[in-house]
């Protein structure tokens, strides 16, 4: 069963920033977009580049290698050369701590 994993304390996770972690071998990027938290798999679906090193533009992350855009909210690929989405993960705030989990496998 998937467990919630602590990312950062809310007061230490400023709007417009990203935190990265790994859960059971899966790299995850957690974004603070104006006080709302979102998590996506931190690997571009086009060519396995780390997305968290890219530029955040509104609600999108731009892959630093080839410039593909992904929705931070839904994981959808929004521009070539990526056509496949990246996985998204549930995020919650509990006890002042931002937490995420990989619940894809039950």
PDB file of N, CA and C in Angstrom:
ATOM      1  N   UNK A   1       0.835  -1.178   0.000  1.00  0.00           N
ATOM      2  CA  UNK A   1       0.000   0.000   0.000  1.00  0.00           C
ATOM      3  C   UNK A   1       0.884   1.247   0.000  1.00  0.00           C
ATOM      4  N   UNK A   2       0.531   2.227  -0.818  1.00  0.00           N
ATOM      5  CA  UNK A   2       1.314   3.451  -0.948  1.00  0.00           C
ATOM      6  C   UNK A   2       1.214   4.298   0.313  1.00  0.00           C
ATOM      7  N   UNK A   3       2.333   4.873   0.701  1.00  0.00           N
ATOM      8  CA  UNK A   3       2.404   5.733   1.882  1.00  0.00           C
ATOM      9  C   UNK A   3       2.624   7.172   1.442  1.00  0.00           C
ATOM     10  N   UNK A   4       2.125   8.101   2.242  1.00  0.00           N
ATOM     11  CA  UNK A   4       2.388   9.519   2.011  1.00  0.00           C
ATOM     12  C   UNK A   4       3.818   9.825   2.446  1.00  0.00           C
ATOM     13  N   UNK A   5       4.551  10.548   1.603  1.00  0.00           N
ATOM     14  CA  UNK A   5       5.949  10.880   1.863  1.00  0.00           C
ATOM     15  C   UNK A   5       6.066  12.394   2.018  1.00  0.00           C
ATOM     16  N   UNK A   6       6.756  12.836   3.063  1.00  0.00           N
ATOM     17  CA  UNK A   6       6.945  14.259   3.313  1.00  0.00           C
ATOM     18  C   UNK A   6       7.858  14.871   2.253  1.00  0.00           C
ATOM     19  N   UNK A   7       7.463  16.032   1.757  1.00  0.00           N
ATOM     20  CA  UNK A   7       8.243  16.768   0.769  1.00  0.00           C
ATOM     21  C   UNK A   7       8.953  17.941   1.442  1.00  0.00           C
ATOM     22  N   UNK A   8       8.170  18.780   2.123  1.00  0.00           N
ATOM     23  CA  UNK A   8       8.723  19.972   2.787  1.00  0.00           C
ATOM     24  C   UNK A   8       7.657  20.576   3.678  1.00  0.00           C
ATOM     25  N   UNK A   9       8.091  21.358   4.651  1.00  0.00           N
ATOM     26  CA  UNK A   9       7.153  22.136   5.452  1.00  0.00           C
ATOM     27  C   UNK A   9       6.594  23.253   4.574  1.00  0.00           C
ATOM     28  N   UNK A  10       5.332  23.574   4.755  1.00  0.00           N
ATOM     29  CA  UNK A  10       4.684  24.608   3.949  1.00  0.00           C
ATOM     30  C   UNK A  10       5.481  25.905   3.982  1.00  0.00           C
ATOM     31  N   UNK A  11       5.935  26.325   5.160  1.00  0.00           N
ATOM     32  CA  UNK A  11       6.659  27.604   5.260  1.00  0.00           C
ATOM     33  C   UNK A  11       8.030  27.570   4.582  1.00  0.00           C
ATOM     34  N   UNK A  12       8.545  26.388   4.294  1.00  0.00           N
ATOM     35  CA  UNK A  12       9.836  26.257   3.620  1.00  0.00           C
ATOM     36  C   UNK A  12       9.702  26.014   2.112  1.00  0.00           C
ATOM     37  N   UNK A  13       8.464  26.007   1.615  1.00  0.00           N
ATOM     38  CA  UNK A  13       8.196  25.659   0.213  1.00  0.00           C
ATOM     39  C   UNK A  13       7.501  26.854  -0.445  1.00  0.00           C
ATOM     40  N   UNK A  14       8.288  27.793  -0.910  1.00  0.00           N
ATOM     41  CA  UNK A  14       7.794  29.064  -1.444  1.00  0.00           C
ATOM     42  C   UNK A  14       7.045  28.892  -2.753  1.00  0.00           C
ATOM     43  N   UNK A  15       6.040  29.754  -3.005  1.00  0.00           N
ATOM     44  CA  UNK A  15       5.360  29.742  -4.306  1.00  0.00           C
ATOM     45  C   UNK A  15       6.363  29.935  -5.440  1.00  0.00           C
ATOM     46  N   UNK A  16       6.132  29.214  -6.530  1.00  0.00           N
ATOM     47  CA  UNK A  16       7.002  29.305  -7.698  1.00  0.00           C
ATOM     48  C   UNK A  16       8.209  28.393  -7.639  1.00  0.00           C
ATOM     49  N   UNK A  17       8.292  27.561  -6.599  1.00  0.00           N
ATOM     50  CA  UNK A  17       9.437  26.665  -6.491  1.00  0.00           C
ATOM     51  C   UNK A  17       9.021  25.217  -6.717  1.00  0.00           C
ATOM     52  N   UNK A  18      10.032  24.385  -6.906  1.00  0.00           N
ATOM     53  CA  UNK A  18       9.823  22.955  -7.116  1.00  0.00           C
ATOM     54  C   UNK A  18      10.737  22.191  -6.171  1.00  0.00           C
ATOM     55  N   UNK A  19      10.255  21.091  -5.669  1.00  0.00           N
ATOM     56  CA  UNK A  19      11.057  20.172  -4.841  1.00  0.00           C
ATOM     57  C   UNK A  19      11.030  18.815  -5.526  1.00  0.00           C
ATOM     58  N   UNK A  20      12.114  18.088  -5.418  1.00  0.00           N
ATOM     59  CA  UNK A  20      12.182  16.769  -6.037  1.00  0.00           C
ATOM     60  C   UNK A  20      12.456  15.706  -4.983  1.00  0.00           C
ATOM     61  N   UNK A  21      11.967  14.514  -5.251  1.00  0.00           N
ATOM     62  CA  UNK A  21      12.208  13.366  -4.399  1.00  0.00           C
ATOM     63  C   UNK A  21      12.012  12.110  -5.228  1.00  0.00           C
ATOM     64  N   UNK A  22      12.327  10.982  -4.631  1.00  0.00           N
ATOM     65  CA  UNK A  22      12.146   9.697  -5.292  1.00  0.00           C
ATOM     66  C   UNK A  22      11.330   8.807  -4.369  1.00  0.00           C
ATOM     67  N   UNK A  23      10.321   8.173  -4.948  1.00  0.00           N
ATOM     68  CA  UNK A  23       9.506   7.219  -4.200  1.00  0.00           C
ATOM     69  C   UNK A  23       9.604   5.885  -4.913  1.00  0.00           C
ATOM     70  N   UNK A  24      10.196   4.909  -4.247  1.00  0.00           N
ATOM     71  CA  UNK A  24      10.351   3.563  -4.790  1.00  0.00           C
ATOM     72  C   UNK A  24      10.885   3.578  -6.221  1.00  0.00           C
ATOM     73  N   UNK A  25      11.918   4.377  -6.459  1.00  0.00           N
ATOM     74  CA  UNK A  25      12.567   4.425  -7.760  1.00  0.00           C
ATOM     75  C   UNK A  25      11.944   5.373  -8.763  1.00  0.00           C
ATOM     76  N   UNK A  26      10.846   6.032  -8.409  1.00  0.00           N
ATOM     77  CA  UNK A  26      10.193   6.969  -9.316  1.00  0.00           C
ATOM     78  C   UNK A  26      10.567   8.396  -8.940  1.00  0.00           C
ATOM     79  N   UNK A  27      11.207   9.140  -9.855  1.00  0.00           N
ATOM     80  CA  UNK A  27      11.516  10.539  -9.567  1.00  0.00           C
ATOM     81  C   UNK A  27      10.256  11.390  -9.688  1.00  0.00           C
ATOM     82  N   UNK A  28      10.031  12.252  -8.693  1.00  0.00           N
ATOM     83  CA  UNK A  28       8.822  13.067  -8.638  1.00  0.00           C
ATOM     84  C   UNK A  28       9.219  14.520  -8.409  1.00  0.00           C
ATOM     85  N   UNK A  29       8.562  15.423  -9.151  1.00  0.00           N
ATOM     86  CA  UNK A  29       8.730  16.859  -8.971  1.00  0.00           C
ATOM     87  C   UNK A  29       7.431  17.404  -8.372  1.00  0.00           C
ATOM     88  N   UNK A  30       7.550  18.126  -7.271  1.00  0.00           N
ATOM     89  CA  UNK A  30       6.393  18.729  -6.604  1.00  0.00           C
ATOM     90  C   UNK A  30       6.520  20.242  -6.753  1.00  0.00           C
ATOM     91  N   UNK A  31       5.473  20.864  -7.273  1.00  0.00           N
ATOM     92  CA  UNK A  31       5.466  22.288  -7.564  1.00  0.00           C
ATOM     93  C   UNK A  31       4.525  23.036  -6.623  1.00  0.00           C
ATOM     94  N   UNK A  32       4.930  24.222  -6.217  1.00  0.00           N
ATOM     95  CA  UNK A  32       4.064  25.137  -5.491  1.00  0.00           C
ATOM     96  C   UNK A  32       3.679  26.227  -6.476  1.00  0.00           C
ATOM     97  N   UNK A  33       2.436  26.183  -6.945  1.00  0.00           N
ATOM     98  CA  UNK A  33       1.923  27.200  -7.849  1.00  0.00           C
ATOM     99  C   UNK A  33       0.948  28.069  -7.067  1.00  0.00           C
ATOM    100  N   UNK A  34       1.442  29.187  -6.571  1.00  0.00           N
ATOM    101  CA  UNK A  34       0.608  30.128  -5.820  1.00  0.00           C
ATOM    102  C   UNK A  34      -0.109  29.476  -4.643  1.00  0.00           C
ATOM    103  N   UNK A  35       0.599  28.646  -3.911  1.00  0.00           N
ATOM    104  CA  UNK A  35       0.031  28.019  -2.722  1.00  0.00           C
ATOM    105  C   UNK A  35      -0.742  26.741  -2.974  1.00  0.00           C
ATOM    106  N   UNK A  36      -0.813  26.300  -4.200  1.00  0.00           N
ATOM    107  CA  UNK A  36      -1.432  25.010  -4.535  1.00  0.00           C
ATOM    108  C   UNK A  36      -0.318  24.087  -4.989  1.00  0.00           C
ATOM    109  N   UNK A  37      -0.394  22.835  -4.576  1.00  0.00           N
ATOM    110  CA  UNK A  37       0.699  21.893  -4.801  1.00  0.00           C
ATOM    111  C   UNK A  37       0.300  20.824  -5.805  1.00  0.00           C
ATOM    112  N   UNK A  38       1.228  20.525  -6.717  1.00  0.00           N
ATOM    113  CA  UNK A  38       1.007  19.537  -7.764  1.00  0.00           C
ATOM    114  C   UNK A  38       2.263  18.689  -7.903  1.00  0.00           C
ATOM    115  N   UNK A  39       2.087  17.427  -8.272  1.00  0.00           N
ATOM    116  CA  UNK A  39       3.235  16.535  -8.434  1.00  0.00           C
ATOM    117  C   UNK A  39       3.114  15.764  -9.747  1.00  0.00           C
ATOM    118  N   UNK A  40       4.237  15.703 -10.454  1.00  0.00           N
ATOM    119  CA  UNK A  40       4.314  14.944 -11.703  1.00  0.00           C
ATOM    120  C   UNK A  40       5.584  14.104 -11.690  1.00  0.00           C
ATOM    121  N   UNK A  41       5.586  13.082 -12.532  1.00  0.00           N
ATOM    122  CA  UNK A  41       6.808  12.296 -12.688  1.00  0.00           C
ATOM    123  C   UNK A  41       7.879  13.200 -13.291  1.00  0.00           C
ATOM    124  N   UNK A  42       9.067  13.160 -12.734  1.00  0.00           N
ATOM    125  CA  UNK A  42      10.131  14.092 -13.102  1.00  0.00           C
ATOM    126  C   UNK A  42      10.985  13.578 -14.258  1.00  0.00           C
ATOM    127  N   UNK A  43      10.329  12.992 -15.261  1.00  0.00           N
ATOM    128  CA  UNK A  43      11.029  12.480 -16.439  1.00  0.00           C
ATOM    129  C   UNK A  43      10.192  12.808 -17.681  1.00  0.00           C
ATOM    130  N   UNK A  44      10.796  13.488 -18.634  1.00  0.00           N
ATOM    131  CA  UNK A  44      10.116  13.815 -19.887  1.00  0.00           C
ATOM    132  C   UNK A  44       9.736  12.529 -20.620  1.00  0.00           C
ATOM    133  N   UNK A  45       8.523  12.482 -21.135  1.00  0.00           N
ATOM    134  CA  UNK A  45       8.075  11.285 -21.857  1.00  0.00           C
ATOM    135  C   UNK A  45       8.691  11.189 -23.254  1.00  0.00           C
ATOM    136  N   UNK A  46       9.346  12.224 -23.708  1.00  0.00           N
ATOM    137  CA  UNK A  46       9.977  12.194 -25.025  1.00  0.00           C
ATOM    138  C   UNK A  46      11.363  11.559 -24.993  1.00  0.00           C
ATOM    139  N   UNK A  47      12.216  12.013 -24.042  1.00  0.00           N
ATOM    140  CA  UNK A  47      13.579  11.513 -24.072  1.00  0.00           C
ATOM    141  C   UNK A  47      14.211  11.406 -22.687  1.00  0.00           C
ATOM    142  N   UNK A  48      13.425  11.071 -21.687  1.00  0.00           N
ATOM    143  CA  UNK A  48      13.932  10.756 -20.341  1.00  0.00           C
ATOM    144  C   UNK A  48      14.817  11.842 -19.725  1.00  0.00           C
ATOM    145  N   UNK A  49      14.507  13.094 -19.996  1.00  0.00           N
ATOM    146  CA  UNK A  49      15.210  14.222 -19.372  1.00  0.00           C
ATOM    147  C   UNK A  49      14.492  14.597 -18.073  1.00  0.00           C
ATOM    148  N   UNK A  50      15.243  15.076 -17.096  1.00  0.00           N
ATOM    149  CA  UNK A  50      14.654  15.541 -15.847  1.00  0.00           C
ATOM    150  C   UNK A  50      13.903  16.840 -16.119  1.00  0.00           C
ATOM    151  N   UNK A  51      12.595  16.857 -15.830  1.00  0.00           N
ATOM    152  CA  UNK A  51      11.778  18.035 -16.096  1.00  0.00           C
ATOM    153  C   UNK A  51      12.002  19.160 -15.086  1.00  0.00           C
ATOM    154  N   UNK A  52      12.286  18.813 -13.841  1.00  0.00           N
ATOM    155  CA  UNK A  52      12.381  19.831 -12.790  1.00  0.00           C
ATOM    156  C   UNK A  52      13.475  20.860 -13.050  1.00  0.00           C
ATOM    157  N   UNK A  53      14.407  20.565 -13.948  1.00  0.00           N
ATOM    158  CA  UNK A  53      15.441  21.526 -14.303  1.00  0.00           C
ATOM    159  C   UNK A  53      14.993  22.530 -15.351  1.00  0.00           C
ATOM    160  N   UNK A  54      13.758  22.386 -15.831  1.00  0.00           N
ATOM    161  CA  UNK A  54      13.241  23.280 -16.860  1.00  0.00           C
ATOM    162  C   UNK A  54      12.582  24.517 -16.285  1.00  0.00           C
ATOM    163  N   UNK A  55      12.153  25.381 -17.171  1.00  0.00           N
ATOM    164  CA  UNK A  55      11.496  26.631 -16.794  1.00  0.00           C
ATOM    165  C   UNK A  55      10.011  26.383 -16.536  1.00  0.00           C
ATOM    166  N   UNK A  56       9.493  26.993 -15.472  1.00  0.00           N
ATOM    167  CA  UNK A  56       8.055  26.968 -15.204  1.00  0.00           C
ATOM    168  C   UNK A  56       7.461  28.196 -15.866  1.00  0.00           C
ATOM    169  N   UNK A  57       6.451  27.975 -16.715  1.00  0.00           N
ATOM    170  CA  UNK A  57       5.757  29.057 -17.405  1.00  0.00           C
ATOM    171  C   UNK A  57       4.268  28.925 -17.115  1.00  0.00           C
ATOM    172  N   UNK A  58       3.789  29.694 -16.155  1.00  0.00           N
ATOM    173  CA  UNK A  58       2.392  29.576 -15.752  1.00  0.00           C
ATOM    174  C   UNK A  58       2.149  28.227 -15.102  1.00  0.00           C
ATOM    175  N   UNK A  59       1.302  27.411 -15.727  1.00  0.00           N
ATOM    176  CA  UNK A  59       0.975  26.082 -15.206  1.00  0.00           C
ATOM    177  C   UNK A  59       1.664  24.981 -16.009  1.00  0.00           C
ATOM    178  N   UNK A  60       2.744  25.337 -16.705  1.00  0.00           N
ATOM    179  CA  UNK A  60       3.482  24.369 -17.506  1.00  0.00           C
ATOM    180  C   UNK A  60       4.944  24.330 -17.088  1.00  0.00           C
ATOM    181  N   UNK A  61       5.554  23.164 -17.305  1.00  0.00           N
ATOM    182  CA  UNK A  61       7.002  23.002 -17.161  1.00  0.00           C
ATOM    183  C   UNK A  61       7.539  22.736 -18.558  1.00  0.00           C
ATOM    184  N   UNK A  62       8.652  23.360 -18.883  1.00  0.00           N
ATOM    185  CA  UNK A  62       9.248  23.218 -20.208  1.00  0.00           C
ATOM    186  C   UNK A  62      10.492  22.350 -20.080  1.00  0.00           C
ATOM    187  N   UNK A  63      10.513  21.256 -20.800  1.00  0.00           N
ATOM    188  CA  UNK A  63      11.656  20.341 -20.757  1.00  0.00           C
ATOM    189  C   UNK A  63      12.919  21.078 -21.199  1.00  0.00           C
ATOM    190  N   UNK A  64      13.981  20.994 -20.394  1.00  0.00           N
ATOM    191  CA  UNK A  64      15.204  21.723 -20.736  1.00  0.00           C
ATOM    192  C   UNK A  64      15.961  21.165 -21.942  1.00  0.00           C
ATOM    193  N   UNK A  65      15.669  19.944 -22.357  1.00  0.00           N
ATOM    194  CA  UNK A  65      16.421  19.364 -23.473  1.00  0.00           C
ATOM    195  C   UNK A  65      15.864  19.785 -24.835  1.00  0.00           C
ATOM    196  N   UNK A  66      14.570  19.550 -25.085  1.00  0.00           N
ATOM    197  CA  UNK A  66      14.016  19.831 -26.403  1.00  0.00           C
ATOM    198  C   UNK A  66      12.825  20.784 -26.384  1.00  0.00           C
ATOM    199  N   UNK A  67      12.488  21.314 -25.219  1.00  0.00           N
ATOM    200  CA  UNK A  67      11.463  22.353 -25.152  1.00  0.00           C
ATOM    201  C   UNK A  67      10.017  21.899 -25.139  1.00  0.00           C
ATOM    202  N   UNK A  68       9.763  20.607 -24.943  1.00  0.00           N
ATOM    203  CA  UNK A  68       8.376  20.152 -24.842  1.00  0.00           C
ATOM    204  C   UNK A  68       7.737  20.750 -23.599  1.00  0.00           C
ATOM    205  N   UNK A  69       6.463  21.107 -23.714  1.00  0.00           N
ATOM    206  CA  UNK A  69       5.713  21.675 -22.597  1.00  0.00           C
ATOM    207  C   UNK A  69       4.802  20.608 -22.009  1.00  0.00           C
ATOM    208  N   UNK A  70       4.715  20.571 -20.674  1.00  0.00           N
ATOM    209  CA  UNK A  70       3.819  19.645 -19.974  1.00  0.00           C
ATOM    210  C   UNK A  70       2.974  20.428 -18.978  1.00  0.00           C
ATOM    211  N   UNK A  71       1.719  20.047 -18.836  1.00  0.00           N
ATOM    212  CA  UNK A  71       0.861  20.637 -17.824  1.00  0.00           C
ATOM    213  C   UNK A  71       1.303  20.131 -16.451  1.00  0.00           C
ATOM    214  N   UNK A  72       1.561  21.046 -15.543  1.00  0.00           N
ATOM    215  CA  UNK A  72       1.896  20.662 -14.172  1.00  0.00           C
ATOM    216  C   UNK A  72       0.647  20.122 -13.472  1.00  0.00           C
ATOM    217  N   UNK A  73      -0.528  20.576 -13.881  1.00  0.00           N
ATOM    218  CA  UNK A  73      -1.775  20.164 -13.243  1.00  0.00           C
ATOM    219  C   UNK A  73      -2.219  18.767 -13.650  1.00  0.00           C
ATOM    220  N   UNK A  74      -2.061  18.436 -14.953  1.00  0.00           N
ATOM    221  CA  UNK A  74      -2.597  17.170 -15.458  1.00  0.00           C
ATOM    222  C   UNK A  74      -1.542  16.206 -15.992  1.00  0.00           C
ATOM    223  N   UNK A  75      -0.321  16.678 -16.215  1.00  0.00           N
ATOM    224  CA  UNK A  75       0.724  15.851 -16.805  1.00  0.00           C
ATOM    225  C   UNK A  75       0.657  15.760 -18.320  1.00  0.00           C
ATOM    226  N   UNK A  76      -0.350  16.389 -18.943  1.00  0.00           N
ATOM    227  CA  UNK A  76      -0.532  16.305 -20.396  1.00  0.00           C
ATOM    228  C   UNK A  76       0.641  16.926 -21.142  1.00  0.00           C
ATOM    229  N   UNK A  77       1.045  16.275 -22.227  1.00  0.00           N
ATOM    230  CA  UNK A  77       2.045  16.841 -23.131  1.00  0.00           C
ATOM    231  C   UNK A  77       1.329  17.902 -23.955  1.00  0.00           C
ATOM    232  N   UNK A  78       1.873  19.117 -23.965  1.00  0.00           N
ATOM    233  CA  UNK A  78       1.200  20.220 -24.635  1.00  0.00           C
ATOM    234  C   UNK A  78       1.899  20.686 -25.906  1.00  0.00           C
ATOM    235  N   UNK A  79       3.095  20.144 -26.178  1.00  0.00           N
ATOM    236  CA  UNK A  79       3.773  20.534 -27.414  1.00  0.00           C
ATOM    237  C   UNK A  79       4.790  19.468 -27.802  1.00  0.00           C
ATOM    238  N   UNK A  80       5.048  19.357 -29.123  1.00  0.00           N
ATOM    239  CA  UNK A  80       6.086  18.446 -29.568  1.00  0.00           C
ATOM    240  C   UNK A  80       7.439  18.908 -29.041  1.00  0.00           C
ATOM    241  N   UNK A  81       8.379  18.032 -28.944  1.00  0.00           N
ATOM    242  CA  UNK A  81       8.387  16.676 -29.486  1.00  0.00           C
ATOM    243  C   UNK A  81       7.749  15.634 -28.569  1.00  0.00           C
ATOM    244  N   UNK A  82       7.180  16.037 -27.436  1.00  0.00           N
ATOM    245  CA  UNK A  82       6.511  15.062 -26.554  1.00  0.00           C
ATOM    246  C   UNK A  82       5.041  14.944 -26.940  1.00  0.00           C
ATOM    247  N   UNK A  83       4.556  13.708 -26.959  1.00  0.00           N
ATOM    248  CA  UNK A  83       3.153  13.453 -27.273  1.00  0.00           C
ATOM    249  C   UNK A  83       2.472  12.660 -26.171  1.00  0.00           C
ATOM    250  N   UNK A  84       3.250  11.994 -25.326  1.00  0.00           N
ATOM    251  CA  UNK A  84       2.709  11.189 -24.237  1.00  0.00           C
ATOM    252  C   UNK A  84       2.750  11.997 -22.943  1.00  0.00           C
ATOM    253  N   UNK A  85       1.730  11.855 -22.096  1.00  0.00           N
ATOM    254  CA  UNK A  85       1.725  12.574 -20.819  1.00  0.00           C
ATOM    255  C   UNK A  85       2.726  11.968 -19.843  1.00  0.00           C
ATOM    256  N   UNK A  86       2.968  12.699 -18.757  1.00  0.00           N
ATOM    257  CA  UNK A  86       3.726  12.163 -17.630  1.00  0.00           C
ATOM    258  C   UNK A  86       2.732  11.892 -16.510  1.00  0.00           C
ATOM    259  N   UNK A  87       3.075  10.980 -15.627  1.00  0.00           N
ATOM    260  CA  UNK A  87       2.187  10.615 -14.528  1.00  0.00           C
ATOM    261  C   UNK A  87       2.046  11.773 -13.544  1.00  0.00           C
ATOM    262  N   UNK A  88       0.881  11.856 -12.926  1.00  0.00           N
ATOM    263  CA  UNK A  88       0.647  12.816 -11.849  1.00  0.00           C
ATOM    264  C   UNK A  88       0.419  12.044 -10.555  1.00  0.00           C
ATOM    265  N   UNK A  89       0.608  12.732  -9.432  1.00  0.00           N
ATOM    266  CA  UNK A  89       0.498  12.092  -8.129  1.00  0.00           C
ATOM    267  C   UNK A  89      -0.310  12.969  -7.183  1.00  0.00           C
ATOM    268  N   UNK A  90      -1.043  12.347  -6.253  1.00  0.00           N
ATOM    269  CA  UNK A  90      -1.795  13.140  -5.282  1.00  0.00           C
ATOM    270  C   UNK A  90      -0.861  13.841  -4.305  1.00  0.00           C
ATOM    271  N   UNK A  91      -1.250  15.062  -3.930  1.00  0.00           N
ATOM    272  CA  UNK A  91      -0.504  15.866  -2.972  1.00  0.00           C
ATOM    273  C   UNK A  91      -1.496  16.361  -1.930  1.00  0.00           C
ATOM    274  N   UNK A  92      -1.064  16.397  -0.678  1.00  0.00           N
ATOM    275  CA  UNK A  92      -1.906  16.960   0.372  1.00  0.00           C
ATOM    276  C   UNK A  92      -1.031  17.693   1.376  1.00  0.00           C
ATOM    277  N   UNK A  93      -1.670  18.591   2.107  1.00  0.00           N
ATOM    278  CA  UNK A  93      -1.003  19.291   3.199  1.00  0.00           C
ATOM    279  C   UNK A  93      -1.619  18.772   4.483  1.00  0.00           C
ATOM    280  N   UNK A  94      -0.757  18.290   5.363  1.00  0.00           N
ATOM    281  CA  UNK A  94      -1.216  17.716   6.624  1.00  0.00           C
ATOM    282  C   UNK A  94      -0.224  18.110   7.714  1.00  0.00           C
ATOM    283  N   UNK A  95      -0.722  18.735   8.765  1.00  0.00           N
ATOM    284  CA  UNK A  95       0.147  19.125   9.868  1.00  0.00           C
ATOM    285  C   UNK A  95       1.247  20.085   9.446  1.00  0.00           C
ATOM    286  N   UNK A  96       0.944  20.962   8.473  1.00  0.00           N
ATOM    287  CA  UNK A  96       1.924  21.923   8.012  1.00  0.00           C
ATOM    288  C   UNK A  96       2.978  21.356   7.079  1.00  0.00           C
ATOM    289  N   UNK A  97       2.806  20.097   6.675  1.00  0.00           N
ATOM    290  CA  UNK A  97       3.776  19.417   5.821  1.00  0.00           C
ATOM    291  C   UNK A  97       3.119  19.069   4.478  1.00  0.00           C
ATOM    292  N   UNK A  98       3.822  19.354   3.376  1.00  0.00           N
ATOM    293  CA  UNK A  98       3.376  18.952   2.050  1.00  0.00           C
ATOM    294  C   UNK A  98       3.790  17.501   1.867  1.00  0.00           C
ATOM    295  N   UNK A  99       2.842  16.668   1.462  1.00  0.00           N
ATOM    296  CA  UNK A  99       3.097  15.229   1.297  1.00  0.00           C
ATOM    297  C   UNK A  99       2.602  14.771  -0.077  1.00  0.00           C
ATOM    298  N   UNK A 100       3.265  13.737  -0.602  1.00  0.00           N
ATOM    299  CA  UNK A 100       2.909  13.174  -1.903  1.00  0.00           C
ATOM    300  C   UNK A 100       2.974  11.655  -1.787  1.00  0.00           C
ATOM    301  N   UNK A 101       2.265  10.970  -2.689  1.00  0.00           N
ATOM    302  CA  UNK A 101       2.401   9.511  -2.741  1.00  0.00           C
ATOM    303  C   UNK A 101       2.198   9.024  -4.166  1.00  0.00           C
ATOM    304  N   UNK A 102       2.815   7.900  -4.449  1.00  0.00           N
ATOM    305  CA  UNK A 102       2.663   7.217  -5.727  1.00  0.00           C
ATOM    306  C   UNK A 102       1.645   6.117  -5.488  1.00  0.00           C
ATOM    307  N   UNK A 103       0.407   6.378  -5.894  1.00  0.00           N
ATOM    308  CA  UNK A 103      -0.672   5.419  -5.648  1.00  0.00           C
ATOM    309  C   UNK A 103      -1.047   4.621  -6.883  1.00  0.00           C
ATOM    310  N   UNK A 104      -0.176   4.607  -7.886  1.00  0.00           N
ATOM    311  CA  UNK A 104      -0.509   3.906  -9.133  1.00  0.00           C
ATOM    312  C   UNK A 104      -0.615   2.401  -8.975  1.00  0.00           C
ATOM    313  N   UNK A 105       0.079   1.824  -8.040  1.00  0.00           N
ATOM    314  CA  UNK A 105       0.138   0.368  -7.941  1.00  0.00           C
ATOM    315  C   UNK A 105      -0.643  -0.178  -6.769  1.00  0.00           C
ATOM    316  N   UNK A 106      -1.459   0.654  -6.146  1.00  0.00           N
ATOM    317  CA  UNK A 106      -2.351   0.154  -5.095  1.00  0.00           C
ATOM    318  C   UNK A 106      -1.961   0.393  -3.720  1.00  0.00           C
TER     319      UNK A 106
END
